[in-house]
Amino acid sequence: MNAIKEYLRQQLSHFDSTALWSPVIIRDAARVLGYWAVPSFLTVIAVATFKEHVPSKYLEAAIGEGIGPHLWNVIGTLALILVGLNILMPGSKRLANAAYQVLTNTYAIGGLTLGLLCGQMAVGLAALPKSIELWRVWLLGTGGAFLVFQAMTLNFSLWYLGHLMDPQQPTNGFLQRVQAVDLRLRVVAFALFSVLPIALLFLEL
């Protein structure tokens, strides 16, 4: 057991805070999220407000499809596969660029979905009958807020991975340091990032 701990400590010693984190991560993530979530949120509110003056059935169907997680799940699985391949072959600029593009675009899709979801929740809460007990309103609101928090956290994980995969990293960036990690450990990481998501996706069949 001590030998395993020492082995892992030695392999992970290549990484420090500068390789794993940057103050711009949250700032850029919030900006991109806002670009996608705010317009989609306002669209849901506008459709509900001007229902009689717009093709509401068509727009509501589009909103429902946008909230559905299937597209995000499939593209997110592809993104994780690319992350695994990058850890296995960290010297490939093309793989890094592919992973970065898919991860950041999947994050944008997640932002769109979050905006639509928050809009639907706001419309639903506003439509509750005034006779409903206050504790029920608080329960629905708290449950909805927790759901949104979970979705935001999961979505942000893709943005973070995208930052790690960024091919424009400095010479001592994350992927450059991965090259110093033992191949056996990289194979394990590849299996976790690439094989496990595929297995979970097939469980949906």
N, C-alpha and C. Protein backbone atom coordinates (compact mmCIF):
# COMPACT_ATOMS: atom_id res chain seq x y z
N MET A 1 0.83 -1.21 0.00
CA MET A 1 0.00 0.00 0.00
C MET A 1 0.87 1.27 0.00
N ASN A 2 1.93 1.24 0.82
CA ASN A 2 2.82 2.40 0.86
C ASN A 2 3.52 2.61 -0.47
N ALA A 3 3.84 1.49 -1.14
CA ALA A 3 4.50 1.60 -2.45
C ALA A 3 3.57 2.25 -3.47
N ILE A 4 2.27 1.91 -3.40
CA ILE A 4 1.29 2.50 -4.32
C ILE A 4 1.14 3.99 -4.04
N LYS A 5 1.06 4.35 -2.76
CA LYS A 5 0.94 5.77 -2.40
C LYS A 5 2.15 6.57 -2.89
N GLU A 6 3.33 5.99 -2.71
CA GLU A 6 4.54 6.68 -3.14
C GLU A 6 4.59 6.82 -4.66
N TYR A 7 4.13 5.77 -5.35
CA TYR A 7 4.08 5.81 -6.82
C TYR A 7 3.14 6.91 -7.30
N LEU A 8 1.94 6.95 -6.71
CA LEU A 8 0.97 7.98 -7.11
C LEU A 8 1.47 9.38 -6.75
N ARG A 9 2.09 9.51 -5.58
CA ARG A 9 2.62 10.81 -5.18
C ARG A 9 3.68 11.30 -6.16
N GLN A 10 4.54 10.37 -6.58
CA GLN A 10 5.59 10.73 -7.53
C GLN A 10 5.01 11.14 -8.88
N GLN A 11 3.99 10.39 -9.35
CA GLN A 11 3.41 10.68 -10.66
C GLN A 11 2.62 11.99 -10.65
N LEU A 12 1.91 12.24 -9.55
CA LEU A 12 1.08 13.45 -9.47
C LEU A 12 1.87 14.68 -9.06
N SER A 13 3.14 14.50 -8.69
CA SER A 13 3.96 15.65 -8.30
C SER A 13 4.25 16.58 -9.47
N HIS A 14 3.98 16.12 -10.69
CA HIS A 14 4.19 16.96 -11.87
C HIS A 14 3.18 18.11 -11.94
N PHE A 15 2.09 17.99 -11.18
CA PHE A 15 1.00 18.97 -11.29
C PHE A 15 0.97 19.87 -10.06
N ASP A 16 0.81 21.15 -10.29
CA ASP A 16 0.62 22.10 -9.21
C ASP A 16 -0.58 22.99 -9.54
N SER A 17 -0.84 23.97 -8.72
CA SER A 17 -2.05 24.79 -8.89
C SER A 17 -2.04 25.55 -10.21
N THR A 18 -0.86 25.94 -10.68
CA THR A 18 -0.81 26.70 -11.94
C THR A 18 -1.22 25.86 -13.14
N ALA A 19 -1.01 24.54 -13.05
CA ALA A 19 -1.39 23.65 -14.15
C ALA A 19 -2.86 23.27 -14.09
N LEU A 20 -3.46 23.38 -12.91
CA LEU A 20 -4.83 22.90 -12.72
C LEU A 20 -5.87 24.01 -12.60
N TRP A 21 -5.43 25.23 -12.36
CA TRP A 21 -6.42 26.28 -12.11
C TRP A 21 -5.90 27.63 -12.59
N SER A 22 -6.83 28.48 -12.98
CA SER A 22 -6.53 29.85 -13.37
C SER A 22 -7.71 30.73 -12.98
N PRO A 23 -7.47 31.94 -12.51
CA PRO A 23 -8.58 32.82 -12.12
C PRO A 23 -9.55 33.14 -13.25
N VAL A 24 -9.10 33.00 -14.49
CA VAL A 24 -9.97 33.35 -15.62
C VAL A 24 -11.00 32.26 -15.92
N ILE A 25 -10.85 31.07 -15.32
CA ILE A 25 -11.75 29.96 -15.66
C ILE A 25 -13.19 30.33 -15.34
N ILE A 26 -13.45 30.75 -14.10
CA ILE A 26 -14.81 31.08 -13.69
C ILE A 26 -15.32 32.30 -14.44
N ARG A 27 -14.46 33.30 -14.62
CA ARG A 27 -14.87 34.51 -15.33
C ARG A 27 -15.32 34.19 -16.76
N ASP A 28 -14.52 33.44 -17.48
CA ASP A 28 -14.87 33.10 -18.86
C ASP A 28 -16.08 32.17 -18.91
N ALA A 29 -16.17 31.25 -17.95
CA ALA A 29 -17.32 30.34 -17.91
C ALA A 29 -18.61 31.11 -17.68
N ALA A 30 -18.58 32.08 -16.76
CA ALA A 30 -19.77 32.89 -16.48
C ALA A 30 -20.18 33.71 -17.70
N ARG A 31 -19.19 34.24 -18.42
CA ARG A 31 -19.50 35.05 -19.60
C ARG A 31 -20.17 34.21 -20.68
N VAL A 32 -19.62 33.05 -20.98
CA VAL A 32 -20.20 32.19 -22.01
C VAL A 32 -21.57 31.69 -21.58
N LEU A 33 -21.70 31.32 -20.30
CA LEU A 33 -23.00 30.88 -19.80
C LEU A 33 -24.04 31.97 -19.97
N GLY A 34 -23.67 33.20 -19.67
CA GLY A 34 -24.60 34.31 -19.82
C GLY A 34 -25.02 34.53 -21.26
N TYR A 35 -24.07 34.38 -22.20
CA TYR A 35 -24.39 34.56 -23.61
C TYR A 35 -25.48 33.60 -24.08
N TRP A 36 -25.50 32.40 -23.50
CA TRP A 36 -26.46 31.39 -23.94
C TRP A 36 -27.69 31.31 -23.04
N ALA A 37 -27.49 31.42 -21.73
CA ALA A 37 -28.60 31.20 -20.80
C ALA A 37 -29.57 32.38 -20.76
N VAL A 38 -29.05 33.60 -20.78
CA VAL A 38 -29.93 34.77 -20.66
C VAL A 38 -30.88 34.89 -21.84
N PRO A 39 -30.41 34.83 -23.10
CA PRO A 39 -31.36 34.92 -24.22
C PRO A 39 -32.39 33.79 -24.23
N SER A 40 -31.95 32.56 -23.88
CA SER A 40 -32.91 31.46 -23.88
C SER A 40 -33.93 31.62 -22.76
N PHE A 41 -33.50 32.12 -21.60
CA PHE A 41 -34.43 32.40 -20.50
C PHE A 41 -35.46 33.44 -20.92
N LEU A 42 -35.00 34.52 -21.52
CA LEU A 42 -35.91 35.58 -21.95
C LEU A 42 -36.85 35.10 -23.05
N THR A 43 -36.38 34.18 -23.88
CA THR A 43 -37.24 33.63 -24.93
C THR A 43 -38.42 32.88 -24.33
N VAL A 44 -38.14 32.07 -23.30
CA VAL A 44 -39.22 31.32 -22.64
C VAL A 44 -40.23 32.28 -22.02
N ILE A 45 -39.73 33.32 -21.36
CA ILE A 45 -40.63 34.30 -20.74
C ILE A 45 -41.46 35.00 -21.80
N ALA A 46 -40.82 35.36 -22.92
CA ALA A 46 -41.54 36.07 -24.00
C ALA A 46 -42.61 35.19 -24.61
N VAL A 47 -42.31 33.91 -24.82
CA VAL A 47 -43.30 32.99 -25.39
C VAL A 47 -44.50 32.85 -24.46
N ALA A 48 -44.24 32.74 -23.15
CA ALA A 48 -45.33 32.62 -22.19
C ALA A 48 -46.14 33.91 -22.09
N THR A 49 -45.48 35.05 -22.20
CA THR A 49 -46.15 36.34 -22.05
C THR A 49 -46.99 36.70 -23.27
N PHE A 50 -46.45 36.43 -24.45
CA PHE A 50 -47.13 36.81 -25.70
C PHE A 50 -47.63 35.58 -26.45
N LYS A 51 -48.16 34.64 -25.69
CA LYS A 51 -48.58 33.36 -26.23
C LYS A 51 -49.57 33.50 -27.37
N GLU A 52 -50.45 34.48 -27.29
CA GLU A 52 -51.50 34.64 -28.29
C GLU A 52 -50.99 35.30 -29.57
N HIS A 53 -49.79 35.83 -29.55
CA HIS A 53 -49.29 36.60 -30.69
C HIS A 53 -48.10 35.94 -31.39
N VAL A 54 -47.70 34.77 -30.93
CA VAL A 54 -46.57 34.07 -31.53
C VAL A 54 -46.98 32.62 -31.81
N PRO A 55 -46.24 31.91 -32.68
CA PRO A 55 -46.53 30.48 -32.90
C PRO A 55 -46.13 29.67 -31.67
N SER A 56 -46.93 29.78 -30.62
CA SER A 56 -46.55 29.26 -29.30
C SER A 56 -46.35 27.75 -29.29
N LYS A 57 -47.20 27.01 -30.01
CA LYS A 57 -47.06 25.55 -29.98
C LYS A 57 -45.71 25.12 -30.54
N TYR A 58 -45.33 25.74 -31.65
CA TYR A 58 -44.04 25.41 -32.27
C TYR A 58 -42.89 25.79 -31.34
N LEU A 59 -42.97 26.99 -30.77
CA LEU A 59 -41.90 27.47 -29.90
C LEU A 59 -41.83 26.66 -28.60
N GLU A 60 -42.97 26.28 -28.06
CA GLU A 60 -42.98 25.47 -26.85
C GLU A 60 -42.40 24.09 -27.11
N ALA A 61 -42.67 23.54 -28.31
CA ALA A 61 -42.07 22.26 -28.68
C ALA A 61 -40.55 22.38 -28.78
N ALA A 62 -40.09 23.49 -29.36
CA ALA A 62 -38.65 23.73 -29.47
C ALA A 62 -38.01 23.88 -28.09
N ILE A 63 -38.71 24.56 -27.19
CA ILE A 63 -38.20 24.72 -25.83
C ILE A 63 -38.10 23.37 -25.13
N GLY A 64 -39.12 22.54 -25.31
CA GLY A 64 -39.10 21.21 -24.71
C GLY A 64 -37.95 20.36 -25.23
N GLU A 65 -37.70 20.45 -26.53
CA GLU A 65 -36.58 19.70 -27.11
C GLU A 65 -35.24 20.24 -26.61
N GLY A 66 -35.17 21.55 -26.40
CA GLY A 66 -33.93 22.14 -25.91
C GLY A 66 -33.61 21.75 -24.48
N ILE A 67 -34.64 21.51 -23.69
CA ILE A 67 -34.43 21.11 -22.30
C ILE A 67 -34.04 19.64 -22.20
N GLY A 68 -34.47 18.83 -23.15
CA GLY A 68 -34.14 17.41 -23.13
C GLY A 68 -32.64 17.18 -23.05
N PRO A 69 -32.18 16.26 -22.18
CA PRO A 69 -30.74 16.10 -21.96
C PRO A 69 -30.02 15.20 -22.95
N HIS A 70 -30.76 14.60 -23.89
CA HIS A 70 -30.15 13.57 -24.72
C HIS A 70 -28.98 14.09 -25.56
N LEU A 71 -29.17 15.23 -26.22
CA LEU A 71 -28.09 15.78 -27.05
C LEU A 71 -26.87 16.09 -26.21
N TRP A 72 -27.08 16.72 -25.06
CA TRP A 72 -25.96 17.06 -24.17
C TRP A 72 -25.25 15.80 -23.71
N ASN A 73 -26.01 14.76 -23.37
CA ASN A 73 -25.40 13.51 -22.91
C ASN A 73 -24.53 12.87 -23.98
N VAL A 74 -25.03 12.83 -25.22
CA VAL A 74 -24.29 12.18 -26.30
C VAL A 74 -23.02 12.96 -26.63
N ILE A 75 -23.15 14.28 -26.79
CA ILE A 75 -21.97 15.08 -27.12
C ILE A 75 -21.00 15.12 -25.93
N GLY A 76 -21.54 15.14 -24.73
CA GLY A 76 -20.68 15.09 -23.54
C GLY A 76 -19.89 13.80 -23.46
N THR A 77 -20.51 12.69 -23.86
CA THR A 77 -19.79 11.41 -23.90
C THR A 77 -18.64 11.47 -24.90
N LEU A 78 -18.90 12.04 -26.08
CA LEU A 78 -17.84 12.22 -27.07
C LEU A 78 -16.72 13.09 -26.51
N ALA A 79 -17.09 14.14 -25.80
CA ALA A 79 -16.08 15.04 -25.21
C ALA A 79 -15.20 14.30 -24.22
N LEU A 80 -15.80 13.45 -23.38
CA LEU A 80 -15.02 12.71 -22.39
C LEU A 80 -14.12 11.68 -23.05
N ILE A 81 -14.59 11.08 -24.15
CA ILE A 81 -13.74 10.16 -24.90
C ILE A 81 -12.50 10.88 -25.41
N LEU A 82 -12.70 12.09 -25.92
CA LEU A 82 -11.57 12.88 -26.42
C LEU A 82 -10.62 13.27 -25.28
N VAL A 83 -11.17 13.55 -24.10
CA VAL A 83 -10.32 13.84 -22.95
C VAL A 83 -9.45 12.63 -22.63
N GLY A 84 -10.07 11.45 -22.62
CA GLY A 84 -9.31 10.22 -22.36
C GLY A 84 -8.21 10.00 -23.38
N LEU A 85 -8.51 10.24 -24.65
CA LEU A 85 -7.50 10.08 -25.70
C LEU A 85 -6.36 11.08 -25.53
N ASN A 86 -6.70 12.29 -25.08
CA ASN A 86 -5.66 13.30 -24.86
C ASN A 86 -4.75 12.92 -23.70
N ILE A 87 -5.31 12.33 -22.67
CA ILE A 87 -4.48 11.88 -21.55
C ILE A 87 -3.59 10.73 -21.99
N LEU A 88 -4.12 9.87 -22.85
CA LEU A 88 -3.33 8.75 -23.37
C LEU A 88 -2.25 9.23 -24.33
N MET A 89 -2.58 10.22 -25.15
CA MET A 89 -1.64 10.75 -26.15
C MET A 89 -1.56 12.27 -26.01
N PRO A 90 -0.96 12.76 -24.94
CA PRO A 90 -0.99 14.20 -24.66
C PRO A 90 -0.18 15.07 -25.61
N GLY A 91 0.57 14.47 -26.49
CA GLY A 91 1.39 15.27 -27.40
C GLY A 91 0.68 15.68 -28.68
N SER A 92 -0.55 15.21 -28.89
CA SER A 92 -1.27 15.49 -30.14
C SER A 92 -2.02 16.82 -30.04
N LYS A 93 -1.61 17.80 -30.83
CA LYS A 93 -2.29 19.09 -30.86
C LYS A 93 -3.69 18.98 -31.47
N ARG A 94 -3.83 18.11 -32.47
CA ARG A 94 -5.14 17.96 -33.11
C ARG A 94 -6.16 17.37 -32.16
N LEU A 95 -5.75 16.36 -31.40
CA LEU A 95 -6.65 15.78 -30.41
C LEU A 95 -7.02 16.81 -29.34
N ALA A 96 -6.03 17.58 -28.91
CA ALA A 96 -6.29 18.61 -27.90
C ALA A 96 -7.28 19.64 -28.42
N ASN A 97 -7.11 20.06 -29.65
CA ASN A 97 -8.01 21.05 -30.23
C ASN A 97 -9.42 20.49 -30.38
N ALA A 98 -9.51 19.21 -30.80
CA ALA A 98 -10.83 18.57 -30.94
C ALA A 98 -11.54 18.50 -29.60
N ALA A 99 -10.80 18.07 -28.56
CA ALA A 99 -11.40 17.98 -27.23
C ALA A 99 -11.83 19.35 -26.73
N TYR A 100 -10.99 20.35 -26.93
CA TYR A 100 -11.30 21.71 -26.48
C TYR A 100 -12.57 22.23 -27.15
N GLN A 101 -12.66 22.06 -28.46
CA GLN A 101 -13.83 22.56 -29.19
C GLN A 101 -15.11 21.85 -28.77
N VAL A 102 -15.06 20.52 -28.64
CA VAL A 102 -16.26 19.77 -28.27
C VAL A 102 -16.67 20.09 -26.84
N LEU A 103 -15.71 20.18 -25.93
CA LEU A 103 -16.03 20.47 -24.53
C LEU A 103 -16.66 21.85 -24.37
N THR A 104 -16.06 22.86 -24.98
CA THR A 104 -16.57 24.22 -24.81
C THR A 104 -17.92 24.40 -25.51
N ASN A 105 -18.12 23.73 -26.63
CA ASN A 105 -19.41 23.83 -27.31
C ASN A 105 -20.49 23.05 -26.57
N THR A 106 -20.13 21.93 -25.96
CA THR A 106 -21.10 21.20 -25.13
C THR A 106 -21.49 22.04 -23.93
N TYR A 107 -20.53 22.76 -23.37
CA TYR A 107 -20.83 23.68 -22.27
C TYR A 107 -21.81 24.75 -22.71
N ALA A 108 -21.63 25.27 -23.92
CA ALA A 108 -22.55 26.29 -24.44
C ALA A 108 -23.96 25.71 -24.60
N ILE A 109 -24.04 24.47 -25.10
CA ILE A 109 -25.35 23.81 -25.22
C ILE A 109 -25.98 23.66 -23.84
N GLY A 110 -25.16 23.31 -22.86
CA GLY A 110 -25.67 23.21 -21.49
C GLY A 110 -26.17 24.54 -20.97
N GLY A 111 -25.50 25.63 -21.34
CA GLY A 111 -25.96 26.96 -20.95
C GLY A 111 -27.32 27.29 -21.56
N LEU A 112 -27.50 26.92 -22.82
CA LEU A 112 -28.80 27.10 -23.47
C LEU A 112 -29.88 26.32 -22.73
N THR A 113 -29.58 25.07 -22.40
CA THR A 113 -30.54 24.23 -21.68
C THR A 113 -30.87 24.81 -20.31
N LEU A 114 -29.86 25.31 -19.60
CA LEU A 114 -30.10 25.90 -18.28
C LEU A 114 -31.00 27.12 -18.37
N GLY A 115 -30.78 27.95 -19.39
CA GLY A 115 -31.64 29.12 -19.57
C GLY A 115 -33.08 28.73 -19.82
N LEU A 116 -33.27 27.73 -20.68
CA LEU A 116 -34.63 27.26 -20.97
C LEU A 116 -35.27 26.66 -19.72
N LEU A 117 -34.49 25.87 -18.98
CA LEU A 117 -35.01 25.24 -17.77
C LEU A 117 -35.42 26.28 -16.73
N CYS A 118 -34.56 27.27 -16.51
CA CYS A 118 -34.89 28.33 -15.54
C CYS A 118 -36.11 29.12 -15.99
N GLY A 119 -36.23 29.36 -17.29
CA GLY A 119 -37.40 30.05 -17.81
C GLY A 119 -38.67 29.27 -17.58
N GLN A 120 -38.61 27.96 -17.83
CA GLN A 120 -39.79 27.11 -17.60
C GLN A 120 -40.16 27.08 -16.12
N MET A 121 -39.16 27.02 -15.27
CA MET A 121 -39.44 27.02 -13.83
C MET A 121 -40.07 28.33 -13.39
N ALA A 122 -39.56 29.44 -13.91
CA ALA A 122 -40.12 30.75 -13.55
C ALA A 122 -41.57 30.87 -14.01
N VAL A 123 -41.83 30.41 -15.23
CA VAL A 123 -43.20 30.45 -15.76
C VAL A 123 -44.11 29.55 -14.94
N GLY A 124 -43.60 28.36 -14.58
CA GLY A 124 -44.40 27.43 -13.79
C GLY A 124 -44.73 27.96 -12.41
N LEU A 125 -43.75 28.57 -11.75
CA LEU A 125 -43.99 29.13 -10.42
C LEU A 125 -44.97 30.31 -10.49
N ALA A 126 -44.84 31.12 -11.54
CA ALA A 126 -45.75 32.27 -11.68
C ALA A 126 -47.18 31.83 -11.95
N ALA A 127 -47.33 30.64 -12.54
CA ALA A 127 -48.67 30.15 -12.90
C ALA A 127 -49.34 29.39 -11.76
N LEU A 128 -48.65 29.20 -10.65
CA LEU A 128 -49.26 28.48 -9.53
C LEU A 128 -50.46 29.25 -9.00
N PRO A 129 -51.52 28.55 -8.63
CA PRO A 129 -52.69 29.24 -8.08
C PRO A 129 -52.35 29.96 -6.78
N LYS A 130 -52.96 31.11 -6.57
CA LYS A 130 -52.66 31.90 -5.38
C LYS A 130 -53.12 31.22 -4.10
N SER A 131 -53.99 30.24 -4.24
CA SER A 131 -54.49 29.55 -3.05
C SER A 131 -53.52 28.49 -2.53
N ILE A 132 -52.46 28.22 -3.28
CA ILE A 132 -51.53 27.17 -2.87
C ILE A 132 -50.79 27.59 -1.60
N GLU A 133 -50.51 26.60 -0.74
CA GLU A 133 -49.82 26.90 0.51
C GLU A 133 -48.41 27.41 0.23
N LEU A 134 -47.95 28.32 1.09
CA LEU A 134 -46.63 28.92 0.91
C LEU A 134 -45.51 27.89 1.00
N TRP A 135 -45.68 26.90 1.88
CA TRP A 135 -44.61 25.92 2.05
C TRP A 135 -44.43 25.08 0.79
N ARG A 136 -45.52 24.88 0.04
CA ARG A 136 -45.40 24.15 -1.22
C ARG A 136 -44.60 24.97 -2.25
N VAL A 137 -44.84 26.27 -2.25
CA VAL A 137 -44.10 27.14 -3.17
C VAL A 137 -42.61 27.11 -2.83
N TRP A 138 -42.30 27.20 -1.53
CA TRP A 138 -40.90 27.15 -1.11
C TRP A 138 -40.28 25.80 -1.45
N LEU A 139 -41.03 24.74 -1.28
CA LEU A 139 -40.52 23.40 -1.59
C LEU A 139 -40.20 23.26 -3.07
N LEU A 140 -41.13 23.73 -3.91
CA LEU A 140 -40.90 23.67 -5.35
C LEU A 140 -39.72 24.54 -5.76
N GLY A 141 -39.65 25.74 -5.17
CA GLY A 141 -38.56 26.65 -5.51
C GLY A 141 -37.20 26.11 -5.07
N THR A 142 -37.14 25.54 -3.87
CA THR A 142 -35.89 24.99 -3.37
C THR A 142 -35.45 23.78 -4.19
N GLY A 143 -36.41 22.91 -4.50
CA GLY A 143 -36.10 21.75 -5.33
C GLY A 143 -35.60 22.15 -6.70
N GLY A 144 -36.25 23.16 -7.28
CA GLY A 144 -35.82 23.64 -8.59
C GLY A 144 -34.44 24.26 -8.55
N ALA A 145 -34.16 25.04 -7.49
CA ALA A 145 -32.84 25.67 -7.35
C ALA A 145 -31.75 24.62 -7.19
N PHE A 146 -32.05 23.57 -6.45
CA PHE A 146 -31.07 22.49 -6.27
C PHE A 146 -30.81 21.78 -7.59
N LEU A 147 -31.86 21.56 -8.37
CA LEU A 147 -31.71 20.93 -9.69
C LEU A 147 -30.84 21.79 -10.60
N VAL A 148 -31.09 23.09 -10.60
CA VAL A 148 -30.29 24.00 -11.43
C VAL A 148 -28.84 24.01 -10.98
N PHE A 149 -28.61 23.99 -9.66
CA PHE A 149 -27.24 23.97 -9.14
C PHE A 149 -26.51 22.72 -9.59
N GLN A 150 -27.18 21.58 -9.52
CA GLN A 150 -26.57 20.32 -9.97
C GLN A 150 -26.21 20.40 -11.45
N ALA A 151 -27.15 20.89 -12.25
CA ALA A 151 -26.92 20.99 -13.69
C ALA A 151 -25.77 21.94 -14.00
N MET A 152 -25.70 23.07 -13.28
CA MET A 152 -24.63 24.04 -13.50
C MET A 152 -23.27 23.44 -13.13
N THR A 153 -23.23 22.70 -12.03
CA THR A 153 -21.97 22.09 -11.60
C THR A 153 -21.49 21.06 -12.62
N LEU A 154 -22.41 20.22 -13.08
CA LEU A 154 -22.06 19.21 -14.08
C LEU A 154 -21.60 19.87 -15.37
N ASN A 155 -22.30 20.91 -15.77
CA ASN A 155 -21.95 21.61 -17.01
C ASN A 155 -20.59 22.31 -16.87
N PHE A 156 -20.35 22.92 -15.71
CA PHE A 156 -19.07 23.61 -15.49
C PHE A 156 -17.89 22.64 -15.55
N SER A 157 -18.11 21.38 -15.15
CA SER A 157 -17.02 20.41 -15.20
C SER A 157 -16.50 20.24 -16.63
N LEU A 158 -17.39 20.37 -17.62
CA LEU A 158 -16.95 20.29 -19.01
C LEU A 158 -16.12 21.51 -19.39
N TRP A 159 -16.53 22.68 -18.93
CA TRP A 159 -15.74 23.89 -19.21
C TRP A 159 -14.35 23.78 -18.59
N TYR A 160 -14.29 23.25 -17.37
CA TYR A 160 -13.00 23.09 -16.70
C TYR A 160 -12.10 22.13 -17.47
N LEU A 161 -12.67 21.00 -17.90
CA LEU A 161 -11.89 20.05 -18.70
C LEU A 161 -11.44 20.69 -20.01
N GLY A 162 -12.31 21.53 -20.58
CA GLY A 162 -11.94 22.24 -21.80
C GLY A 162 -10.73 23.14 -21.56
N HIS A 163 -10.69 23.79 -20.39
CA HIS A 163 -9.54 24.63 -20.05
C HIS A 163 -8.26 23.79 -19.99
N LEU A 164 -8.36 22.59 -19.41
CA LEU A 164 -7.18 21.73 -19.32
C LEU A 164 -6.73 21.24 -20.69
N MET A 165 -7.67 21.07 -21.61
CA MET A 165 -7.34 20.56 -22.94
C MET A 165 -6.94 21.66 -23.92
N ASP A 166 -7.02 22.91 -23.51
CA ASP A 166 -6.77 24.03 -24.41
C ASP A 166 -5.41 23.90 -25.09
N PRO A 167 -5.38 23.79 -26.43
CA PRO A 167 -4.10 23.64 -27.13
C PRO A 167 -3.23 24.89 -27.08
N GLN A 168 -3.80 26.01 -26.66
CA GLN A 168 -3.04 27.26 -26.57
C GLN A 168 -2.39 27.44 -25.20
N GLN A 169 -2.35 26.37 -24.41
CA GLN A 169 -1.72 26.45 -23.09
C GLN A 169 -0.24 26.80 -23.22
N PRO A 170 0.33 27.37 -22.16
CA PRO A 170 1.78 27.61 -22.17
C PRO A 170 2.55 26.29 -22.18
N THR A 171 3.85 26.38 -22.34
CA THR A 171 4.67 25.17 -22.49
C THR A 171 4.65 24.28 -21.24
N ASN A 172 4.28 24.82 -20.10
CA ASN A 172 4.20 24.02 -18.87
C ASN A 172 2.76 23.78 -18.46
N GLY A 173 1.86 23.73 -19.45
CA GLY A 173 0.44 23.52 -19.18
C GLY A 173 0.12 22.09 -18.78
N PHE A 174 -1.17 21.83 -18.60
CA PHE A 174 -1.62 20.54 -18.09
C PHE A 174 -1.18 19.39 -19.00
N LEU A 175 -1.48 19.47 -20.29
CA LEU A 175 -1.17 18.37 -21.19
C LEU A 175 0.33 18.14 -21.32
N GLN A 176 1.11 19.20 -21.25
CA GLN A 176 2.56 19.04 -21.30
C GLN A 176 3.06 18.26 -20.08
N ARG A 177 2.43 18.47 -18.95
CA ARG A 177 2.83 17.76 -17.73
C ARG A 177 2.33 16.32 -17.74
N VAL A 178 1.20 16.08 -18.41
CA VAL A 178 0.69 14.71 -18.51
C VAL A 178 1.71 13.82 -19.21
N GLN A 179 2.47 14.38 -20.14
CA GLN A 179 3.45 13.58 -20.87
C GLN A 179 4.49 12.95 -19.95
N ALA A 180 4.70 13.54 -18.78
CA ALA A 180 5.67 13.00 -17.83
C ALA A 180 5.10 11.89 -16.96
N VAL A 181 3.79 11.65 -17.05
CA VAL A 181 3.14 10.63 -16.23
C VAL A 181 3.35 9.25 -16.86
N ASP A 182 3.52 8.25 -16.03
CA ASP A 182 3.72 6.87 -16.48
C ASP A 182 2.57 6.43 -17.39
N LEU A 183 2.90 5.73 -18.47
CA LEU A 183 1.90 5.29 -19.44
C LEU A 183 0.83 4.43 -18.79
N ARG A 184 1.21 3.58 -17.85
CA ARG A 184 0.23 2.70 -17.20
C ARG A 184 -0.86 3.51 -16.49
N LEU A 185 -0.45 4.58 -15.85
CA LEU A 185 -1.43 5.42 -15.16
C LEU A 185 -2.30 6.17 -16.17
N ARG A 186 -1.71 6.55 -17.28
CA ARG A 186 -2.49 7.23 -18.32
C ARG A 186 -3.50 6.29 -18.96
N VAL A 187 -3.17 5.01 -19.07
CA VAL A 187 -4.12 4.03 -19.60
C VAL A 187 -5.32 3.90 -18.66
N VAL A 188 -5.06 3.90 -17.36
CA VAL A 188 -6.16 3.84 -16.38
C VAL A 188 -7.05 5.07 -16.51
N ALA A 189 -6.44 6.25 -16.63
CA ALA A 189 -7.21 7.48 -16.80
C ALA A 189 -8.01 7.45 -18.10
N PHE A 190 -7.41 6.92 -19.15
CA PHE A 190 -8.12 6.78 -20.42
C PHE A 190 -9.36 5.92 -20.26
N ALA A 191 -9.22 4.81 -19.53
CA ALA A 191 -10.36 3.92 -19.32
C ALA A 191 -11.47 4.63 -18.55
N LEU A 192 -11.09 5.40 -17.53
CA LEU A 192 -12.10 6.10 -16.73
C LEU A 192 -12.84 7.16 -17.55
N PHE A 193 -12.11 7.91 -18.35
CA PHE A 193 -12.72 9.00 -19.11
C PHE A 193 -13.40 8.53 -20.39
N SER A 194 -12.93 7.46 -21.00
CA SER A 194 -13.44 7.07 -22.31
C SER A 194 -14.33 5.83 -22.28
N VAL A 195 -13.91 4.82 -21.55
CA VAL A 195 -14.66 3.55 -21.56
C VAL A 195 -15.88 3.64 -20.66
N LEU A 196 -15.71 4.20 -19.46
CA LEU A 196 -16.84 4.26 -18.51
C LEU A 196 -18.02 5.06 -19.05
N PRO A 197 -17.83 6.26 -19.64
CA PRO A 197 -18.99 6.98 -20.19
C PRO A 197 -19.72 6.21 -21.29
N ILE A 198 -18.97 5.48 -22.12
CA ILE A 198 -19.62 4.68 -23.17
C ILE A 198 -20.47 3.60 -22.53
N ALA A 199 -19.93 2.94 -21.50
CA ALA A 199 -20.69 1.89 -20.82
C ALA A 199 -21.97 2.46 -20.20
N LEU A 200 -21.86 3.63 -19.58
CA LEU A 200 -23.05 4.26 -18.98
C LEU A 200 -24.06 4.66 -20.04
N LEU A 201 -23.56 5.09 -21.20
CA LEU A 201 -24.47 5.47 -22.29
C LEU A 201 -25.24 4.26 -22.79
N PHE A 202 -24.57 3.11 -22.89
CA PHE A 202 -25.24 1.91 -23.37
C PHE A 202 -26.23 1.36 -22.35
N LEU A 203 -26.06 1.73 -21.09
CA LEU A 203 -27.04 1.32 -20.08
C LEU A 203 -28.39 1.99 -20.30
N GLU A 204 -28.40 3.09 -21.10
CA GLU A 204 -29.65 3.78 -21.40
C GLU A 204 -30.49 3.03 -22.42
N LEU A 205 -29.89 2.03 -23.10
CA LEU A 205 -30.63 1.29 -24.13
C LEU A 205 -31.77 0.48 -23.51
